[in-house]
PDB file of N, CA and C in Angstrom:
ATOM      1  N   MET A   1       3.393 -12.865   3.099  1.00  0.00           N
ATOM      2  CA  MET A   1       2.533 -11.822   2.568  1.00  0.00           C
ATOM      3  C   MET A   1       1.193 -11.766   3.290  1.00  0.00           C
ATOM      4  N   GLY A   2       0.826 -12.755   4.035  1.00  0.00           N
ATOM      5  CA  GLY A   2      -0.502 -12.805   4.645  1.00  0.00           C
ATOM      6  C   GLY A   2      -0.847 -11.623   5.511  1.00  0.00           C
ATOM      7  N   ALA A   3       0.115 -11.099   6.251  1.00  0.00           N
ATOM      8  CA  ALA A   3      -0.173  -9.996   7.172  1.00  0.00           C
ATOM      9  C   ALA A   3      -0.523  -8.711   6.435  1.00  0.00           C
ATOM     10  N   HIS A   4       0.037  -8.481   5.260  1.00  0.00           N
ATOM     11  CA  HIS A   4      -0.198  -7.236   4.549  1.00  0.00           C
ATOM     12  C   HIS A   4      -1.640  -7.093   4.046  1.00  0.00           C
ATOM     13  N   PRO A   5      -2.211  -8.082   3.349  1.00  0.00           N
ATOM     14  CA  PRO A   5      -3.616  -7.957   2.950  1.00  0.00           C
ATOM     15  C   PRO A   5      -4.558  -7.880   4.153  1.00  0.00           C
ATOM     16  N   LEU A   6      -4.219  -8.554   5.237  1.00  0.00           N
ATOM     17  CA  LEU A   6      -5.059  -8.471   6.437  1.00  0.00           C
ATOM     18  C   LEU A   6      -5.011  -7.068   7.029  1.00  0.00           C
ATOM     19  N   ASP A   7      -3.859  -6.441   6.992  1.00  0.00           N
ATOM     20  CA  ASP A   7      -3.733  -5.073   7.492  1.00  0.00           C
ATOM     21  C   ASP A   7      -4.592  -4.122   6.671  1.00  0.00           C
ATOM     22  N   ILE A   8      -4.574  -4.267   5.347  1.00  0.00           N
ATOM     23  CA  ILE A   8      -5.401  -3.435   4.473  1.00  0.00           C
ATOM     24  C   ILE A   8      -6.879  -3.663   4.782  1.00  0.00           C
ATOM     25  N   ALA A   9      -7.268  -4.907   5.011  1.00  0.00           N
ATOM     26  CA  ALA A   9      -8.665  -5.203   5.355  1.00  0.00           C
ATOM     27  C   ALA A   9      -9.054  -4.519   6.664  1.00  0.00           C
ATOM     28  N   GLN A  10      -8.181  -4.570   7.658  1.00  0.00           N
ATOM     29  CA  GLN A  10      -8.457  -3.897   8.935  1.00  0.00           C
ATOM     30  C   GLN A  10      -8.643  -2.395   8.719  1.00  0.00           C
ATOM     31  N   TRP A  11      -7.791  -1.779   7.914  1.00  0.00           N
ATOM     32  CA  TRP A  11      -7.929  -0.343   7.612  1.00  0.00           C
ATOM     33  C   TRP A  11      -9.273  -0.071   6.938  1.00  0.00           C
ATOM     34  N   GLY A  12      -9.581  -0.885   5.926  1.00  0.00           N
ATOM     35  CA  GLY A  12     -10.825  -0.684   5.182  1.00  0.00           C
ATOM     36  C   GLY A  12     -12.064  -0.858   6.029  1.00  0.00           C
ATOM     37  N   LEU A  13     -11.974  -1.685   7.045  1.00  0.00           N
ATOM     38  CA  LEU A  13     -13.100  -1.903   7.950  1.00  0.00           C
ATOM     39  C   LEU A  13     -13.126  -0.900   9.095  1.00  0.00           C
ATOM     40  N   ASN A  14     -12.145  -0.001   9.104  1.00  0.00           N
ATOM     41  CA  ASN A  14     -11.988   0.948  10.209  1.00  0.00           C
ATOM     42  C   ASN A  14     -11.926   0.184  11.532  1.00  0.00           C
ATOM     43  N   ALA A  15     -11.112  -0.874  11.545  1.00  0.00           N
ATOM     44  CA  ALA A  15     -11.045  -1.780  12.691  1.00  0.00           C
ATOM     45  C   ALA A  15      -9.625  -1.904  13.241  1.00  0.00           C
ATOM     46  N   ASP A  16      -8.845  -0.829  13.145  1.00  0.00           N
ATOM     47  CA  ASP A  16      -7.459  -0.888  13.614  1.00  0.00           C
ATOM     48  C   ASP A  16      -7.323  -1.292  15.078  1.00  0.00           C
ATOM     49  N   ASN A  17      -8.271  -0.917  15.907  1.00  0.00           N
ATOM     50  CA  ASN A  17      -8.165  -1.195  17.342  1.00  0.00           C
ATOM     51  C   ASN A  17      -9.033  -2.357  17.792  1.00  0.00           C
ATOM     52  N   THR A  18      -9.414  -3.187  16.872  1.00  0.00           N
ATOM     53  CA  THR A  18     -10.246  -4.342  17.193  1.00  0.00           C
ATOM     54  C   THR A  18      -9.869  -5.480  16.244  1.00  0.00           C
ATOM     55  N   GLY A  19     -10.641  -6.514  16.251  1.00  0.00           N
ATOM     56  CA  GLY A  19     -10.396  -7.645  15.368  1.00  0.00           C
ATOM     57  C   GLY A  19     -11.595  -8.562  15.387  1.00  0.00           C
ATOM     58  N   PRO A  20     -11.529  -9.633  14.629  1.00  0.00           N
ATOM     59  CA  PRO A  20     -12.638 -10.586  14.616  1.00  0.00           C
ATOM     60  C   PRO A  20     -12.894 -11.169  16.010  1.00  0.00           C
ATOM     61  N   VAL A  21     -14.144 -11.484  16.259  1.00  0.00           N
ATOM     62  CA  VAL A  21     -14.515 -12.102  17.534  1.00  0.00           C
ATOM     63  C   VAL A  21     -14.660 -13.617  17.399  1.00  0.00           C
ATOM     64  N   TYR A  22     -14.676 -14.111  16.151  1.00  0.00           N
ATOM     65  CA  TYR A  22     -14.827 -15.545  15.909  1.00  0.00           C
ATOM     66  C   TYR A  22     -14.177 -15.899  14.578  1.00  0.00           C
ATOM     67  N   TYR A  23     -13.499 -17.028  14.552  1.00  0.00           N
ATOM     68  CA  TYR A  23     -12.857 -17.537  13.344  1.00  0.00           C
ATOM     69  C   TYR A  23     -13.302 -18.973  13.107  1.00  0.00           C
ATOM     70  N   GLU A  24     -13.386 -19.359  11.828  1.00  0.00           N
ATOM     71  CA  GLU A  24     -13.562 -20.770  11.478  1.00  0.00           C
ATOM     72  C   GLU A  24     -12.951 -20.978  10.103  1.00  0.00           C
ATOM     73  N   GLY A  25     -12.460 -22.169   9.869  1.00  0.00           N
ATOM     74  CA  GLY A  25     -11.863 -22.436   8.569  1.00  0.00           C
ATOM     75  C   GLY A  25     -10.989 -23.661   8.597  1.00  0.00           C
ATOM     76  N   ALA A  26     -10.220 -23.805   7.537  1.00  0.00           N
ATOM     77  CA  ALA A  26      -9.354 -24.964   7.386  1.00  0.00           C
ATOM     78  C   ALA A  26      -8.125 -24.578   6.577  1.00  0.00           C
ATOM     79  N   GLY A  27      -7.099 -25.386   6.714  1.00  0.00           N
ATOM     80  CA  GLY A  27      -5.871 -25.195   5.960  1.00  0.00           C
ATOM     81  C   GLY A  27      -5.177 -26.527   5.787  1.00  0.00           C
ATOM     82  N   SER A  28      -4.145 -26.536   4.947  1.00  0.00           N
ATOM     83  CA  SER A  28      -3.399 -27.773   4.755  1.00  0.00           C
ATOM     84  C   SER A  28      -1.907 -27.491   4.874  1.00  0.00           C
ATOM     85  N   LEU A  29      -1.200 -28.455   5.418  1.00  0.00           N
ATOM     86  CA  LEU A  29       0.255 -28.391   5.563  1.00  0.00           C
ATOM     87  C   LEU A  29       0.899 -29.099   4.381  1.00  0.00           C
ATOM     88  N   PRO A  30       2.101 -28.681   3.968  1.00  0.00           N
ATOM     89  CA  PRO A  30       2.775 -29.380   2.872  1.00  0.00           C
ATOM     90  C   PRO A  30       3.110 -30.813   3.275  1.00  0.00           C
ATOM     91  N   GLU A  31       3.073 -31.690   2.301  1.00  0.00           N
ATOM     92  CA  GLU A  31       3.368 -33.106   2.567  1.00  0.00           C
ATOM     93  C   GLU A  31       4.856 -33.375   2.670  1.00  0.00           C
ATOM     94  N   TYR A  32       5.695 -32.501   2.116  1.00  0.00           N
ATOM     95  CA  TYR A  32       7.135 -32.710   2.131  1.00  0.00           C
ATOM     96  C   TYR A  32       7.840 -31.360   2.116  1.00  0.00           C
ATOM     97  N   GLY A  33       9.125 -31.363   2.344  1.00  0.00           N
ATOM     98  CA  GLY A  33       9.912 -30.142   2.314  1.00  0.00           C
ATOM     99  C   GLY A  33      10.282 -29.655   3.707  1.00  0.00           C
ATOM    100  N   LEU A  34      10.860 -28.498   3.750  1.00  0.00           N
ATOM    101  CA  LEU A  34      11.344 -27.937   5.005  1.00  0.00           C
ATOM    102  C   LEU A  34      10.296 -27.143   5.770  1.00  0.00           C
ATOM    103  N   CYS A  35       9.233 -26.739   5.117  1.00  0.00           N
ATOM    104  CA  CYS A  35       8.241 -25.866   5.756  1.00  0.00           C
ATOM    105  C   CYS A  35       7.199 -26.673   6.520  1.00  0.00           C
ATOM    106  N   ASP A  36       6.772 -26.129   7.642  1.00  0.00           N
ATOM    107  CA  ASP A  36       5.687 -26.755   8.394  1.00  0.00           C
ATOM    108  C   ASP A  36       4.600 -25.712   8.685  1.00  0.00           C
ATOM    109  N   THR A  37       4.417 -24.800   7.743  1.00  0.00           N
ATOM    110  CA  THR A  37       3.388 -23.780   7.871  1.00  0.00           C
ATOM    111  C   THR A  37       2.286 -24.044   6.845  1.00  0.00           C
ATOM    112  N   VAL A  38       1.115 -23.535   7.100  1.00  0.00           N
ATOM    113  CA  VAL A  38      -0.025 -23.763   6.219  1.00  0.00           C
ATOM    114  C   VAL A  38       0.276 -23.192   4.832  1.00  0.00           C
ATOM    115  N   GLU A  39      -0.016 -23.981   3.787  1.00  0.00           N
ATOM    116  CA  GLU A  39       0.231 -23.534   2.415  1.00  0.00           C
ATOM    117  C   GLU A  39      -1.062 -23.254   1.652  1.00  0.00           C
ATOM    118  N   SER A  40      -2.154 -23.710   2.166  1.00  0.00           N
ATOM    119  CA  SER A  40      -3.454 -23.454   1.559  1.00  0.00           C
ATOM    120  C   SER A  40      -4.449 -23.246   2.697  1.00  0.00           C
ATOM    121  N   TRP A  41      -5.309 -22.215   2.584  1.00  0.00           N
ATOM    122  CA  TRP A  41      -6.228 -21.936   3.691  1.00  0.00           C
ATOM    123  C   TRP A  41      -7.469 -21.206   3.192  1.00  0.00           C
ATOM    124  N   ASP A  42      -8.516 -21.336   3.969  1.00  0.00           N
ATOM    125  CA  ASP A  42      -9.779 -20.628   3.745  1.00  0.00           C
ATOM    126  C   ASP A  42     -10.361 -20.363   5.133  1.00  0.00           C
ATOM    127  N   ILE A  43     -10.203 -19.139   5.600  1.00  0.00           N
ATOM    128  CA  ILE A  43     -10.596 -18.767   6.956  1.00  0.00           C
ATOM    129  C   ILE A  43     -11.704 -17.722   6.900  1.00  0.00           C
ATOM    130  N   HIS A  44     -12.755 -17.917   7.678  1.00  0.00           N
ATOM    131  CA  HIS A  44     -13.839 -16.953   7.811  1.00  0.00           C
ATOM    132  C   HIS A  44     -13.661 -16.230   9.136  1.00  0.00           C
ATOM    133  N   CYS A  45     -13.688 -14.904   9.085  1.00  0.00           N
ATOM    134  CA  CYS A  45     -13.492 -14.055  10.263  1.00  0.00           C
ATOM    135  C   CYS A  45     -14.754 -13.235  10.469  1.00  0.00           C
ATOM    136  N   TYR A  46     -15.294 -13.267  11.670  1.00  0.00           N
ATOM    137  CA  TYR A  46     -16.529 -12.554  11.972  1.00  0.00           C
ATOM    138  C   TYR A  46     -16.270 -11.468  13.008  1.00  0.00           C
ATOM    139  N   TYR A  47     -16.727 -10.259  12.712  1.00  0.00           N
ATOM    140  CA  TYR A  47     -16.548  -9.105  13.582  1.00  0.00           C
ATOM    141  C   TYR A  47     -17.825  -8.836  14.367  1.00  0.00           C
ATOM    142  N   ALA A  48     -17.699  -8.190  15.501  1.00  0.00           N
ATOM    143  CA  ALA A  48     -18.851  -7.830  16.335  1.00  0.00           C
ATOM    144  C   ALA A  48     -19.805  -6.902  15.586  1.00  0.00           C
ATOM    145  N   THR A  49     -19.307  -6.184  14.601  1.00  0.00           N
ATOM    146  CA  THR A  49     -20.133  -5.263  13.810  1.00  0.00           C
ATOM    147  C   THR A  49     -21.038  -5.990  12.813  1.00  0.00           C
ATOM    148  N   GLY A  50     -20.854  -7.300  12.667  1.00  0.00           N
ATOM    149  CA  GLY A  50     -21.618  -8.073  11.697  1.00  0.00           C
ATOM    150  C   GLY A  50     -20.877  -8.309  10.395  1.00  0.00           C
ATOM    151  N   VAL A  51     -19.703  -7.705  10.252  1.00  0.00           N
ATOM    152  CA  VAL A  51     -18.904  -7.885   9.034  1.00  0.00           C
ATOM    153  C   VAL A  51     -18.321  -9.297   9.008  1.00  0.00           C
ATOM    154  N   HIS A  52     -18.378  -9.901   7.837  1.00  0.00           N
ATOM    155  CA  HIS A  52     -17.784 -11.223   7.613  1.00  0.00           C
ATOM    156  C   HIS A  52     -16.632 -11.036   6.634  1.00  0.00           C
ATOM    157  N   MET A  53     -15.428 -11.423   7.056  1.00  0.00           N
ATOM    158  CA  MET A  53     -14.257 -11.336   6.188  1.00  0.00           C
ATOM    159  C   MET A  53     -13.770 -12.757   5.899  1.00  0.00           C
ATOM    160  N   ARG A  54     -13.374 -12.976   4.665  1.00  0.00           N
ATOM    161  CA  ARG A  54     -12.844 -14.283   4.270  1.00  0.00           C
ATOM    162  C   ARG A  54     -11.387 -14.102   3.868  1.00  0.00           C
ATOM    163  N   PHE A  55     -10.502 -14.870   4.489  1.00  0.00           N
ATOM    164  CA  PHE A  55      -9.060 -14.812   4.230  1.00  0.00           C
ATOM    165  C   PHE A  55      -8.666 -16.130   3.580  1.00  0.00           C
ATOM    166  N   MET A  56      -8.173 -16.051   2.315  1.00  0.00           N
ATOM    167  CA  MET A  56      -7.911 -17.255   1.530  1.00  0.00           C
ATOM    168  C   MET A  56      -6.548 -17.177   0.869  1.00  0.00           C
ATOM    169  N   ASP A  57      -5.971 -18.339   0.601  1.00  0.00           N
ATOM    170  CA  ASP A  57      -4.773 -18.362  -0.231  1.00  0.00           C
ATOM    171  C   ASP A  57      -5.219 -18.146  -1.676  1.00  0.00           C
ATOM    172  N   TRP A  58      -4.279 -17.884  -2.566  1.00  0.00           N
ATOM    173  CA  TRP A  58      -4.630 -17.508  -3.940  1.00  0.00           C
ATOM    174  C   TRP A  58      -5.383 -18.603  -4.684  1.00  0.00           C
ATOM    175  N   ARG A  59      -5.117 -19.862  -4.379  1.00  0.00           N
ATOM    176  CA  ARG A  59      -5.794 -20.957  -5.090  1.00  0.00           C
ATOM    177  C   ARG A  59      -7.288 -20.967  -4.779  1.00  0.00           C
ATOM    178  N   VAL A  60      -7.613 -20.719  -3.534  1.00  0.00           N
ATOM    179  CA  VAL A  60      -9.013 -20.673  -3.108  1.00  0.00           C
ATOM    180  C   VAL A  60      -9.648 -19.360  -3.555  1.00  0.00           C
ATOM    181  N   ALA A  61      -8.882 -18.267  -3.467  1.00  0.00           N
ATOM    182  CA  ALA A  61      -9.425 -16.937  -3.740  1.00  0.00           C
ATOM    183  C   ALA A  61      -9.765 -16.704  -5.207  1.00  0.00           C
ATOM    184  N   LYS A  62      -8.976 -17.240  -6.111  1.00  0.00           N
ATOM    185  CA  LYS A  62      -9.163 -16.911  -7.529  1.00  0.00           C
ATOM    186  C   LYS A  62     -10.591 -17.157  -8.011  1.00  0.00           C
ATOM    187  N   PRO A  63     -11.164 -18.346  -7.845  1.00  0.00           N
ATOM    188  CA  PRO A  63     -12.537 -18.523  -8.336  1.00  0.00           C
ATOM    189  C   PRO A  63     -13.557 -17.672  -7.572  1.00  0.00           C
ATOM    190  N   ALA A  64     -13.318 -17.439  -6.295  1.00  0.00           N
ATOM    191  CA  ALA A  64     -14.243 -16.619  -5.506  1.00  0.00           C
ATOM    192  C   ALA A  64     -14.226 -15.169  -5.990  1.00  0.00           C
ATOM    193  N   VAL A  65     -13.041 -14.623  -6.237  1.00  0.00           N
ATOM    194  CA  VAL A  65     -12.918 -13.236  -6.678  1.00  0.00           C
ATOM    195  C   VAL A  65     -13.360 -13.083  -8.131  1.00  0.00           C
ATOM    196  N   MET A  66     -13.000 -14.029  -8.979  1.00  0.00           N
ATOM    197  CA  MET A  66     -13.343 -13.940 -10.398  1.00  0.00           C
ATOM    198  C   MET A  66     -14.860 -14.011 -10.634  1.00  0.00           C
ATOM    199  N   ALA A  67     -15.609 -14.515  -9.690  1.00  0.00           N
ATOM    200  CA  ALA A  67     -17.066 -14.531  -9.813  1.00  0.00           C
ATOM    201  C   ALA A  67     -17.633 -13.114  -9.776  1.00  0.00           C
ATOM    202  N   TYR A  68     -16.873 -12.167  -9.214  1.00  0.00           N
ATOM    203  CA  TYR A  68     -17.343 -10.794  -9.053  1.00  0.00           C
ATOM    204  C   TYR A  68     -16.630  -9.775  -9.940  1.00  0.00           C
ATOM    205  N   ARG A  69     -15.464 -10.102 -10.436  1.00  0.00           N
ATOM    206  CA  ARG A  69     -14.732  -9.156 -11.282  1.00  0.00           C
ATOM    207  C   ARG A  69     -13.852  -9.906 -12.273  1.00  0.00           C
ATOM    208  N   LYS A  70     -13.462  -9.234 -13.344  1.00  0.00           N
ATOM    209  CA  LYS A  70     -12.697  -9.872 -14.417  1.00  0.00           C
ATOM    210  C   LYS A  70     -11.194  -9.852 -14.175  1.00  0.00           C
ATOM    211  N   ARG A  71     -10.702  -8.857 -13.454  1.00  0.00           N
ATOM    212  CA  ARG A  71      -9.263  -8.730 -13.238  1.00  0.00           C
ATOM    213  C   ARG A  71      -8.828  -9.585 -12.046  1.00  0.00           C
ATOM    214  N   TRP A  72      -7.677 -10.219 -12.158  1.00  0.00           N
ATOM    215  CA  TRP A  72      -7.175 -11.099 -11.103  1.00  0.00           C
ATOM    216  C   TRP A  72      -5.725 -10.778 -10.782  1.00  0.00           C
ATOM    217  N   SER A  73      -5.383 -10.754  -9.521  1.00  0.00           N
ATOM    218  CA  SER A  73      -4.008 -10.676  -9.041  1.00  0.00           C
ATOM    219  C   SER A  73      -3.859 -11.792  -8.017  1.00  0.00           C
ATOM    220  N   ASP A  74      -2.696 -12.379  -7.894  1.00  0.00           N
ATOM    221  CA  ASP A  74      -2.534 -13.509  -6.982  1.00  0.00           C
ATOM    222  C   ASP A  74      -2.370 -13.088  -5.522  1.00  0.00           C
ATOM    223  N   HIS A  75      -2.564 -11.809  -5.239  1.00  0.00           N
ATOM    224  CA  HIS A  75      -2.526 -11.340  -3.859  1.00  0.00           C
ATOM    225  C   HIS A  75      -3.289 -10.021  -3.761  1.00  0.00           C
ATOM    226  N   GLY A  76      -3.594  -9.624  -2.553  1.00  0.00           N
ATOM    227  CA  GLY A  76      -4.268  -8.343  -2.369  1.00  0.00           C
ATOM    228  C   GLY A  76      -5.508  -8.467  -1.520  1.00  0.00           C
ATOM    229  N   THR A  77      -6.230  -7.368  -1.454  1.00  0.00           N
ATOM    230  CA  THR A  77      -7.442  -7.277  -0.654  1.00  0.00           C
ATOM    231  C   THR A  77      -8.560  -6.776  -1.549  1.00  0.00           C
ATOM    232  N   THR A  78      -9.709  -7.406  -1.483  1.00  0.00           N
ATOM    233  CA  THR A  78     -10.856  -7.016  -2.271  1.00  0.00           C
ATOM    234  C   THR A  78     -12.035  -6.826  -1.332  1.00  0.00           C
ATOM    235  N   PHE A  79     -12.756  -5.729  -1.505  1.00  0.00           N
ATOM    236  CA  PHE A  79     -13.954  -5.461  -0.703  1.00  0.00           C
ATOM    237  C   PHE A  79     -15.186  -5.672  -1.569  1.00  0.00           C
ATOM    238  N   PHE A  80     -16.169  -6.385  -1.049  1.00  0.00           N
ATOM    239  CA  PHE A  80     -17.447  -6.578  -1.721  1.00  0.00           C
ATOM    240  C   PHE A  80     -18.536  -6.115  -0.776  1.00  0.00           C
ATOM    241  N   GLY A  81     -19.591  -5.583  -1.343  1.00  0.00           N
ATOM    242  CA  GLY A  81     -20.725  -5.151  -0.544  1.00  0.00           C
ATOM    243  C   GLY A  81     -21.309  -3.857  -1.080  1.00  0.00           C
ATOM    244  N   THR A  82     -22.290  -3.341  -0.394  1.00  0.00           N
ATOM    245  CA  THR A  82     -22.961  -2.139  -0.862  1.00  0.00           C
ATOM    246  C   THR A  82     -22.068  -0.918  -0.792  1.00  0.00           C
ATOM    247  N   LYS A  83     -21.073  -0.922   0.088  1.00  0.00           N
ATOM    248  CA  LYS A  83     -20.160   0.218   0.190  1.00  0.00           C
ATOM    249  C   LYS A  83     -18.751  -0.117  -0.304  1.00  0.00           C
ATOM    250  N   GLY A  84     -18.481  -1.370  -0.573  1.00  0.00           N
ATOM    251  CA  GLY A  84     -17.138  -1.767  -0.979  1.00  0.00           C
ATOM    252  C   GLY A  84     -16.955  -1.957  -2.465  1.00  0.00           C
ATOM    253  N   GLY A  85     -18.031  -2.043  -3.208  1.00  0.00           N
ATOM    254  CA  GLY A  85     -17.926  -2.170  -4.663  1.00  0.00           C
ATOM    255  C   GLY A  85     -17.430  -3.488  -5.055  1.00  0.00           C
TER     256      GLY A  85
END
């Protein structure tokens, strides 16, 4: 599901033909099982326009999003700022 919320963020930023110029963050791999992909992450993406986007898994995102609004979904894209509401 990660690509879908990122695509919506790119649309909302009017950045279809560009992307972040710098990334920083962390993630964790599962300790057991068949998967070797990140299961928890918190990534900060910085655009040349000065926009800062944060890409998080639902565990990290829930407290961050709930600080600004009462409704919660375990996936999706949320815009904050003077023009994003």
